[in-house]
Each structure stands twice: as structure tokens, then as C-alpha cells.
Amino acid sequence: MKISTIIRAGLHQSKLLLNLFFIWLTLGWKVRKARKAFEKELVKSGMPSEAAKKLGKKYSSVKDEVMKQLWGSVRKSKR
């Protein structure tokens, strides 16, 4: 194998990891913002805040599952 091929593959892999990290940051921010707005609307409509927080946690758990899938696929591709 040529050294240039190995270097190129390393650069592409680092770019992929950087993009995934950026996705993780922005997705976390957007989900947090949406969860807070969702909880606020539920409380406005008369739901107790504790129940609204329980429902709001589902947003975060879905984001965590999506990120697990993405990171899992990256780890499989390294092998």
C-alpha cells in the first residue's frame, strides 16, 4: 500500500469524525432548545411541570439513540 493512500484515508477519517462531532454539538443544542419549548407549552396548557419534564426527557433519549447508532457505525467502519 502506498503511504499517500494511508495518509489520504487518515485525513478522510479525521474529517468524518470532526463532522460527527459537529453534528453531535448542534443536535444536542437543537434538541435541548426544542425540549425546553415543548415543556413550556405543556405547562402553559395546564400539565404539571414534573409530568412535562418526564415527557421532555424522551426528546433527549431519542437523540442519544441516534448518536449511538452513528458512533457505532463509525466504530464498525474502523475495523
PDB file of N, CA and C in Angstrom:
ATOM      1  N   MET A   1       0.842  -1.172   0.000  1.00  0.00           N
ATOM      2  CA  MET A   1       0.000   0.000   0.000  1.00  0.00           C
ATOM      3  C   MET A   1       0.891   1.241   0.000  1.00  0.00           C
ATOM      4  N   LYS A   2       0.475   2.233  -0.729  1.00  0.00           N
ATOM      5  CA  LYS A   2       1.239   3.478  -0.779  1.00  0.00           C
ATOM      6  C   LYS A   2       1.008   4.309   0.475  1.00  0.00           C
ATOM      7  N   ILE A   3       2.018   5.050   0.848  1.00  0.00           N
ATOM      8  CA  ILE A   3       1.922   5.925   2.013  1.00  0.00           C
ATOM      9  C   ILE A   3       0.896   7.027   1.763  1.00  0.00           C
ATOM     10  N   SER A   4       0.834   7.526   0.536  1.00  0.00           N
ATOM     11  CA  SER A   4      -0.127   8.596   0.230  1.00  0.00           C
ATOM     12  C   SER A   4      -1.564   8.111   0.405  1.00  0.00           C
ATOM     13  N   THR A   5      -1.811   6.842   0.105  1.00  0.00           N
ATOM     14  CA  THR A   5      -3.150   6.280   0.287  1.00  0.00           C
ATOM     15  C   THR A   5      -3.507   6.225   1.774  1.00  0.00           C
ATOM     16  N   ILE A   6      -2.547   5.830   2.584  1.00  0.00           N
ATOM     17  CA  ILE A   6      -2.786   5.753   4.028  1.00  0.00           C
ATOM     18  C   ILE A   6      -3.026   7.142   4.604  1.00  0.00           C
ATOM     19  N   ILE A   7      -2.239   8.109   4.176  1.00  0.00           N
ATOM     20  CA  ILE A   7      -2.412   9.483   4.650  1.00  0.00           C
ATOM     21  C   ILE A   7      -3.768  10.030   4.223  1.00  0.00           C
ATOM     22  N   ARG A   8      -4.145   9.778   2.987  1.00  0.00           N
ATOM     23  CA  ARG A   8      -5.432  10.249   2.484  1.00  0.00           C
ATOM     24  C   ARG A   8      -6.590   9.617   3.262  1.00  0.00           C
ATOM     25  N   ALA A   9      -6.477   8.318   3.554  1.00  0.00           N
ATOM     26  CA  ALA A   9      -7.527   7.641   4.320  1.00  0.00           C
ATOM     27  C   ALA A   9      -7.623   8.227   5.727  1.00  0.00           C
ATOM     28  N   GLY A  10      -6.478   8.517   6.335  1.00  0.00           N
ATOM     29  CA  GLY A  10      -6.481   9.133   7.665  1.00  0.00           C
ATOM     30  C   GLY A  10      -7.116  10.505   7.662  1.00  0.00           C
ATOM     31  N   LEU A  11      -6.846  11.276   6.633  1.00  0.00           N
ATOM     32  CA  LEU A  11      -7.450  12.611   6.531  1.00  0.00           C
ATOM     33  C   LEU A  11      -8.965  12.522   6.372  1.00  0.00           C
ATOM     34  N   HIS A  12      -9.417  11.589   5.541  1.00  0.00           N
ATOM     35  CA  HIS A  12     -10.862  11.431   5.347  1.00  0.00           C
ATOM     36  C   HIS A  12     -11.537  10.961   6.633  1.00  0.00           C
ATOM     37  N   GLN A  13     -10.871  10.075   7.362  1.00  0.00           N
ATOM     38  CA  GLN A  13     -11.443   9.581   8.605  1.00  0.00           C
ATOM     39  C   GLN A  13     -11.496  10.693   9.659  1.00  0.00           C
ATOM     40  N   SER A  14     -10.461  11.502   9.733  1.00  0.00           N
ATOM     41  CA  SER A  14     -10.486  12.604  10.697  1.00  0.00           C
ATOM     42  C   SER A  14     -11.551  13.632  10.325  1.00  0.00           C
ATOM     43  N   LYS A  15     -11.750  13.865   9.040  1.00  0.00           N
ATOM     44  CA  LYS A  15     -12.807  14.786   8.602  1.00  0.00           C
ATOM     45  C   LYS A  15     -14.183  14.237   8.989  1.00  0.00           C
ATOM     46  N   LEU A  16     -14.371  12.932   8.819  1.00  0.00           N
ATOM     47  CA  LEU A  16     -15.632  12.302   9.194  1.00  0.00           C
ATOM     48  C   LEU A  16     -15.885  12.439  10.686  1.00  0.00           C
ATOM     49  N   LEU A  17     -14.870  12.191  11.497  1.00  0.00           N
ATOM     50  CA  LEU A  17     -15.033  12.310  12.942  1.00  0.00           C
ATOM     51  C   LEU A  17     -15.308  13.750  13.362  1.00  0.00           C
ATOM     52  N   LEU A  18     -14.667  14.691  12.712  1.00  0.00           N
ATOM     53  CA  LEU A  18     -14.921  16.104  13.012  1.00  0.00           C
ATOM     54  C   LEU A  18     -16.359  16.484  12.658  1.00  0.00           C
ATOM     55  N   ASN A  19     -16.839  16.005  11.523  1.00  0.00           N
ATOM     56  CA  ASN A  19     -18.233  16.282  11.136  1.00  0.00           C
ATOM     57  C   ASN A  19     -19.211  15.643  12.110  1.00  0.00           C
ATOM     58  N   LEU A  20     -18.931  14.423  12.555  1.00  0.00           N
ATOM     59  CA  LEU A  20     -19.814  13.770  13.522  1.00  0.00           C
ATOM     60  C   LEU A  20     -19.825  14.522  14.854  1.00  0.00           C
ATOM     61  N   PHE A  21     -18.678  15.028  15.258  1.00  0.00           N
ATOM     62  CA  PHE A  21     -18.618  15.816  16.486  1.00  0.00           C
ATOM     63  C   PHE A  21     -19.437  17.089  16.347  1.00  0.00           C
ATOM     64  N   PHE A  22     -19.359  17.747  15.199  1.00  0.00           N
ATOM     65  CA  PHE A  22     -20.137  18.953  14.942  1.00  0.00           C
ATOM     66  C   PHE A  22     -21.638  18.635  14.951  1.00  0.00           C
ATOM     67  N   ILE A  23     -22.013  17.517  14.362  1.00  0.00           N
ATOM     68  CA  ILE A  23     -23.417  17.087  14.373  1.00  0.00           C
ATOM     69  C   ILE A  23     -23.875  16.856  15.811  1.00  0.00           C
ATOM     70  N   TRP A  24     -23.031  16.216  16.598  1.00  0.00           N
ATOM     71  CA  TRP A  24     -23.367  15.944  17.994  1.00  0.00           C
ATOM     72  C   TRP A  24     -23.614  17.241  18.758  1.00  0.00           C
ATOM     73  N   LEU A  25     -22.745  18.226  18.544  1.00  0.00           N
ATOM     74  CA  LEU A  25     -22.913  19.511  19.233  1.00  0.00           C
ATOM     75  C   LEU A  25     -24.187  20.223  18.810  1.00  0.00           C
ATOM     76  N   THR A  26     -24.405  20.348  17.514  1.00  0.00           N
ATOM     77  CA  THR A  26     -25.580  21.093  17.048  1.00  0.00           C
ATOM     78  C   THR A  26     -26.872  20.354  17.356  1.00  0.00           C
ATOM     79  N   LEU A  27     -26.850  19.045  17.223  1.00  0.00           N
ATOM     80  CA  LEU A  27     -28.057  18.269  17.521  1.00  0.00           C
ATOM     81  C   LEU A  27     -28.406  18.387  18.996  1.00  0.00           C
ATOM     82  N   GLY A  28     -27.393  18.327  19.849  1.00  0.00           N
ATOM     83  CA  GLY A  28     -27.641  18.486  21.282  1.00  0.00           C
ATOM     84  C   GLY A  28     -28.252  19.832  21.602  1.00  0.00           C
ATOM     85  N   TRP A  29     -27.730  20.875  20.972  1.00  0.00           N
ATOM     86  CA  TRP A  29     -28.249  22.222  21.211  1.00  0.00           C
ATOM     87  C   TRP A  29     -29.688  22.344  20.730  1.00  0.00           C
ATOM     88  N   LYS A  30     -29.965  21.854  19.533  1.00  0.00           N
ATOM     89  CA  LYS A  30     -31.317  21.965  18.974  1.00  0.00           C
ATOM     90  C   LYS A  30     -32.319  21.143  19.778  1.00  0.00           C
ATOM     91  N   VAL A  31     -31.928  19.949  20.203  1.00  0.00           N
ATOM     92  CA  VAL A  31     -32.831  19.102  20.978  1.00  0.00           C
ATOM     93  C   VAL A  31     -33.119  19.740  22.331  1.00  0.00           C
ATOM     94  N   ARG A  32     -32.108  20.304  22.947  1.00  0.00           N
ATOM     95  CA  ARG A  32     -32.306  20.963  24.240  1.00  0.00           C
ATOM     96  C   ARG A  32     -33.286  22.120  24.103  1.00  0.00           C
ATOM     97  N   LYS A  33     -33.112  22.896  23.052  1.00  0.00           N
ATOM     98  CA  LYS A  33     -33.984  24.041  22.808  1.00  0.00           C
ATOM     99  C   LYS A  33     -35.429  23.595  22.546  1.00  0.00           C
ATOM    100  N   ALA A  34     -35.585  22.541  21.735  1.00  0.00           N
ATOM    101  CA  ALA A  34     -36.923  22.029  21.429  1.00  0.00           C
ATOM    102  C   ALA A  34     -37.577  21.422  22.669  1.00  0.00           C
ATOM    103  N   ARG A  35     -36.788  20.722  23.471  1.00  0.00           N
ATOM    104  CA  ARG A  35     -37.330  20.111  24.682  1.00  0.00           C
ATOM    105  C   ARG A  35     -37.835  21.173  25.647  1.00  0.00           C
ATOM    106  N   LYS A  36     -37.062  22.233  25.828  1.00  0.00           N
ATOM    107  CA  LYS A  36     -37.483  23.306  26.729  1.00  0.00           C
ATOM    108  C   LYS A  36     -38.765  23.974  26.236  1.00  0.00           C
ATOM    109  N   ALA A  37     -38.859  24.213  24.933  1.00  0.00           N
ATOM    110  CA  ALA A  37     -40.067  24.834  24.374  1.00  0.00           C
ATOM    111  C   ALA A  37     -41.268  23.908  24.526  1.00  0.00           C
ATOM    112  N   PHE A  38     -41.055  22.617  24.311  1.00  0.00           N
ATOM    113  CA  PHE A  38     -42.122  21.629  24.450  1.00  0.00           C
ATOM    114  C   PHE A  38     -42.626  21.596  25.889  1.00  0.00           C
ATOM    115  N   GLU A  39     -41.693  21.549  26.842  1.00  0.00           N
ATOM    116  CA  GLU A  39     -42.085  21.533  28.247  1.00  0.00           C
ATOM    117  C   GLU A  39     -42.832  22.812  28.633  1.00  0.00           C
ATOM    118  N   LYS A  40     -42.365  23.939  28.139  1.00  0.00           N
ATOM    119  CA  LYS A  40     -43.012  25.218  28.446  1.00  0.00           C
ATOM    120  C   LYS A  40     -44.454  25.241  27.930  1.00  0.00           C
ATOM    121  N   GLU A  41     -44.664  24.731  26.723  1.00  0.00           N
ATOM    122  CA  GLU A  41     -46.016  24.698  26.155  1.00  0.00           C
ATOM    123  C   GLU A  41     -46.924  23.753  26.927  1.00  0.00           C
ATOM    124  N   LEU A  42     -46.380  22.622  27.357  1.00  0.00           N
ATOM    125  CA  LEU A  42     -47.195  21.689  28.145  1.00  0.00           C
ATOM    126  C   LEU A  42     -47.609  22.307  29.480  1.00  0.00           C
ATOM    127  N   VAL A  43     -46.695  23.004  30.120  1.00  0.00           N
ATOM    128  CA  VAL A  43     -47.012  23.643  31.391  1.00  0.00           C
ATOM    129  C   VAL A  43     -48.036  24.756  31.176  1.00  0.00           C
ATOM    130  N   LYS A  44     -47.895  25.490  30.063  1.00  0.00           N
ATOM    131  CA  LYS A  44     -48.872  26.547  29.751  1.00  0.00           C
ATOM    132  C   LYS A  44     -50.272  25.984  29.568  1.00  0.00           C
ATOM    133  N   SER A  45     -50.338  24.777  28.994  1.00  0.00           N
ATOM    134  CA  SER A  45     -51.653  24.191  28.741  1.00  0.00           C
ATOM    135  C   SER A  45     -52.251  23.524  29.979  1.00  0.00           C
ATOM    136  N   GLY A  46     -51.513  23.540  31.091  1.00  0.00           N
ATOM    137  CA  GLY A  46     -52.090  23.056  32.338  1.00  0.00           C
ATOM    138  C   GLY A  46     -51.497  21.769  32.877  1.00  0.00           C
ATOM    139  N   MET A  47     -50.511  21.220  32.243  1.00  0.00           N
ATOM    140  CA  MET A  47     -49.902  19.990  32.733  1.00  0.00           C
ATOM    141  C   MET A  47     -48.915  20.321  33.857  1.00  0.00           C
ATOM    142  N   PRO A  48     -48.839  19.473  34.878  1.00  0.00           N
ATOM    143  CA  PRO A  48     -47.850  19.710  35.943  1.00  0.00           C
ATOM    144  C   PRO A  48     -46.422  19.678  35.374  1.00  0.00           C
ATOM    145  N   SER A  49     -45.555  20.486  35.943  1.00  0.00           N
ATOM    146  CA  SER A  49     -44.205  20.615  35.389  1.00  0.00           C
ATOM    147  C   SER A  49     -43.409  19.314  35.479  1.00  0.00           C
ATOM    148  N   GLU A  50     -43.644  18.510  36.510  1.00  0.00           N
ATOM    149  CA  GLU A  50     -42.927  17.234  36.634  1.00  0.00           C
ATOM    150  C   GLU A  50     -43.300  16.282  35.500  1.00  0.00           C
ATOM    151  N   ALA A  51     -44.576  16.232  35.164  1.00  0.00           N
ATOM    152  CA  ALA A  51     -45.021  15.375  34.063  1.00  0.00           C
ATOM    153  C   ALA A  51     -44.483  15.890  32.727  1.00  0.00           C
ATOM    154  N   ALA A  52     -44.428  17.200  32.579  1.00  0.00           N
ATOM    155  CA  ALA A  52     -43.890  17.779  31.350  1.00  0.00           C
ATOM    156  C   ALA A  52     -42.403  17.460  31.207  1.00  0.00           C
ATOM    157  N   LYS A  53     -41.678  17.467  32.318  1.00  0.00           N
ATOM    158  CA  LYS A  53     -40.256  17.134  32.273  1.00  0.00           C
ATOM    159  C   LYS A  53     -40.041  15.671  31.910  1.00  0.00           C
ATOM    160  N   LYS A  54     -40.904  14.795  32.394  1.00  0.00           N
ATOM    161  CA  LYS A  54     -40.795  13.373  32.034  1.00  0.00           C
ATOM    162  C   LYS A  54     -40.992  13.183  30.539  1.00  0.00           C
ATOM    163  N   LEU A  55     -41.982  13.872  29.980  1.00  0.00           N
ATOM    164  CA  LEU A  55     -42.211  13.771  28.539  1.00  0.00           C
ATOM    165  C   LEU A  55     -41.069  14.412  27.752  1.00  0.00           C
ATOM    166  N   GLY A  56     -40.542  15.499  28.278  1.00  0.00           N
ATOM    167  CA  GLY A  56     -39.435  16.184  27.617  1.00  0.00           C
ATOM    168  C   GLY A  56     -38.165  15.350  27.574  1.00  0.00           C
ATOM    169  N   LYS A  57     -37.973  14.479  28.549  1.00  0.00           N
ATOM    170  CA  LYS A  57     -36.783  13.624  28.570  1.00  0.00           C
ATOM    171  C   LYS A  57     -36.762  12.655  27.394  1.00  0.00           C
ATOM    172  N   LYS A  58     -37.913  12.363  26.833  1.00  0.00           N
ATOM    173  CA  LYS A  58     -37.956  11.471  25.669  1.00  0.00           C
ATOM    174  C   LYS A  58     -37.214  12.077  24.483  1.00  0.00           C
ATOM    175  N   TYR A  59     -37.265  13.402  24.348  1.00  0.00           N
ATOM    176  CA  TYR A  59     -36.511  14.070  23.280  1.00  0.00           C
ATOM    177  C   TYR A  59     -35.029  13.748  23.400  1.00  0.00           C
ATOM    178  N   SER A  60     -34.510  13.863  24.599  1.00  0.00           N
ATOM    179  CA  SER A  60     -33.089  13.611  24.813  1.00  0.00           C
ATOM    180  C   SER A  60     -32.738  12.146  24.590  1.00  0.00           C
ATOM    181  N   SER A  61     -33.613  11.259  25.013  1.00  0.00           N
ATOM    182  CA  SER A  61     -33.313   9.836  24.840  1.00  0.00           C
ATOM    183  C   SER A  61     -33.306   9.439  23.364  1.00  0.00           C
ATOM    184  N   VAL A  62     -34.164  10.045  22.567  1.00  0.00           N
ATOM    185  CA  VAL A  62     -34.162   9.759  21.122  1.00  0.00           C
ATOM    186  C   VAL A  62     -32.869  10.267  20.493  1.00  0.00           C
ATOM    187  N   LYS A  63     -32.424  11.456  20.890  1.00  0.00           N
ATOM    188  CA  LYS A  63     -31.159  11.995  20.375  1.00  0.00           C
ATOM    189  C   LYS A  63     -29.999  11.090  20.750  1.00  0.00           C
ATOM    190  N   ASP A  64     -30.004  10.594  21.988  1.00  0.00           N
ATOM    191  CA  ASP A  64     -28.933   9.706  22.429  1.00  0.00           C
ATOM    192  C   ASP A  64     -28.902   8.416  21.615  1.00  0.00           C
ATOM    193  N   GLU A  65     -30.069   7.889  21.294  1.00  0.00           N
ATOM    194  CA  GLU A  65     -30.120   6.663  20.486  1.00  0.00           C
ATOM    195  C   GLU A  65     -29.587   6.900  19.072  1.00  0.00           C
ATOM    196  N   VAL A  66     -29.935   8.034  18.495  1.00  0.00           N
ATOM    197  CA  VAL A  66     -29.442   8.358  17.150  1.00  0.00           C
ATOM    198  C   VAL A  66     -27.927   8.486  17.162  1.00  0.00           C
ATOM    199  N   MET A  67     -27.397   9.154  18.175  1.00  0.00           N
ATOM    200  CA  MET A  67     -25.948   9.318  18.257  1.00  0.00           C
ATOM    201  C   MET A  67     -25.244   7.995  18.515  1.00  0.00           C
ATOM    202  N   LYS A  68     -25.844   7.098  19.284  1.00  0.00           N
ATOM    203  CA  LYS A  68     -25.261   5.769  19.487  1.00  0.00           C
ATOM    204  C   LYS A  68     -25.147   5.028  18.163  1.00  0.00           C
ATOM    205  N   GLN A  69     -26.193   5.143  17.344  1.00  0.00           N
ATOM    206  CA  GLN A  69     -26.176   4.487  16.042  1.00  0.00           C
ATOM    207  C   GLN A  69     -25.072   5.052  15.156  1.00  0.00           C
ATOM    208  N   LEU A  70     -24.928   6.375  15.147  1.00  0.00           N
ATOM    209  CA  LEU A  70     -23.890   6.998  14.324  1.00  0.00           C
ATOM    210  C   LEU A  70     -22.493   6.608  14.779  1.00  0.00           C
ATOM    211  N   TRP A  71     -22.243   6.701  16.090  1.00  0.00           N
ATOM    212  CA  TRP A  71     -20.914   6.355  16.595  1.00  0.00           C
ATOM    213  C   TRP A  71     -20.632   4.869  16.417  1.00  0.00           C
ATOM    214  N   GLY A  72     -21.669   4.045  16.557  1.00  0.00           N
ATOM    215  CA  GLY A  72     -21.488   2.601  16.339  1.00  0.00           C
ATOM    216  C   GLY A  72     -21.100   2.286  14.911  1.00  0.00           C
ATOM    217  N   SER A  73     -21.692   3.005  13.962  1.00  0.00           N
ATOM    218  CA  SER A  73     -21.343   2.754  12.570  1.00  0.00           C
ATOM    219  C   SER A  73     -19.928   3.220  12.257  1.00  0.00           C
ATOM    220  N   VAL A  74     -19.459   4.268  12.931  1.00  0.00           N
ATOM    221  CA  VAL A  74     -18.086   4.727  12.743  1.00  0.00           C
ATOM    222  C   VAL A  74     -17.103   3.711  13.293  1.00  0.00           C
ATOM    223  N   ARG A  75     -17.422   3.157  14.457  1.00  0.00           N
ATOM    224  CA  ARG A  75     -16.528   2.169  15.061  1.00  0.00           C
ATOM    225  C   ARG A  75     -16.444   0.905  14.208  1.00  0.00           C
ATOM    226  N   LYS A  76     -17.570   0.515  13.607  1.00  0.00           N
ATOM    227  CA  LYS A  76     -17.557  -0.675  12.736  1.00  0.00           C
ATOM    228  C   LYS A  76     -16.724  -0.434  11.493  1.00  0.00           C
ATOM    229  N   SER A  77     -16.759   0.785  10.966  1.00  0.00           N
ATOM    230  CA  SER A  77     -16.015   1.072   9.745  1.00  0.00           C
ATOM    231  C   SER A  77     -14.518   1.109   9.993  1.00  0.00           C
ATOM    232  N   LYS A  78     -14.095   1.361  11.248  1.00  0.00           N
ATOM    233  CA  LYS A  78     -12.667   1.379  11.569  1.00  0.00           C
ATOM    234  C   LYS A  78     -12.056  -0.022  11.510  1.00  0.00           C
ATOM    235  N   ARG A  79     -12.855  -1.028  11.761  1.00  0.00           N
ATOM    236  CA  ARG A  79     -12.335  -2.399  11.820  1.00  0.00           C
ATOM    237  C   ARG A  79     -12.083  -2.949  10.477  1.00  0.00           C
TER     238      ARG A  79
END
